[in-house]
């Protein structure tokens, strides 16, 4: 956790993930469908 960020990789394909979302710790990280929720990243 050197950069104080968290990344969610999503939209998988046979060649890897097509998309990613990165936010700073403390901001909510949106987890896309089928889960569809905001992950609280505050410590």
Protein backbone atom coordinates (compact mmCIF):
# COMPACT_ATOMS: atom_id res chain seq x y z
CA UNK A 1 0.00 0.00 0.00
CA UNK A 2 2.68 2.45 -1.02
CA UNK A 3 0.53 4.64 -3.27
CA UNK A 4 -2.56 4.97 -1.01
CA UNK A 5 -4.80 3.80 -3.84
CA UNK A 6 -7.00 0.78 -4.48
CA UNK A 7 -7.84 -0.68 -7.90
CA UNK A 8 -10.73 -2.86 -9.00
CA UNK A 9 -10.13 -4.72 -12.27
CA UNK A 10 -13.36 -5.65 -14.07
CA UNK A 11 -14.89 -6.67 -17.41
CA UNK A 12 -12.83 -9.86 -17.84
CA UNK A 13 -11.98 -11.24 -21.27
CA UNK A 14 -9.90 -14.22 -22.44
CA UNK A 15 -6.91 -11.85 -22.69
CA UNK A 16 -7.25 -10.12 -19.31
CA UNK A 17 -9.39 -7.37 -17.87
CA UNK A 18 -10.76 -4.66 -20.16
CA UNK A 19 -11.39 -2.04 -17.47
CA UNK A 20 -10.22 -0.86 -14.09
CA UNK A 21 -11.28 1.72 -11.54
CA UNK A 22 -8.78 3.31 -9.16
CA UNK A 23 -9.56 5.57 -6.22
CA UNK A 24 -7.60 6.96 -3.29
CA UNK A 25 -8.08 5.25 0.06
CA UNK A 26 -10.93 6.97 1.88
CA UNK A 27 -13.07 7.31 -1.26
CA UNK A 28 -15.72 4.69 -2.08
CA UNK A 29 -14.71 2.19 -4.76
CA UNK A 30 -17.60 1.24 -7.03
CA UNK A 31 -17.72 -2.53 -7.63
CA UNK A 32 -19.66 -3.16 -10.85
CA UNK A 33 -22.36 -5.77 -11.59
CA UNK A 34 -23.01 -8.52 -10.75
CA UNK A 35 -22.04 -7.27 -7.26
CA UNK A 36 -22.98 -3.60 -7.79
CA UNK A 37 -22.00 -1.87 -4.56
CA UNK A 38 -19.64 0.80 -3.24
CA UNK A 39 -16.75 -0.54 -1.15
CA UNK A 40 -15.88 1.69 1.81
CA UNK A 41 -12.09 2.19 1.70
CA UNK A 42 -11.77 4.38 4.78
CA UNK A 43 -9.53 2.93 7.43
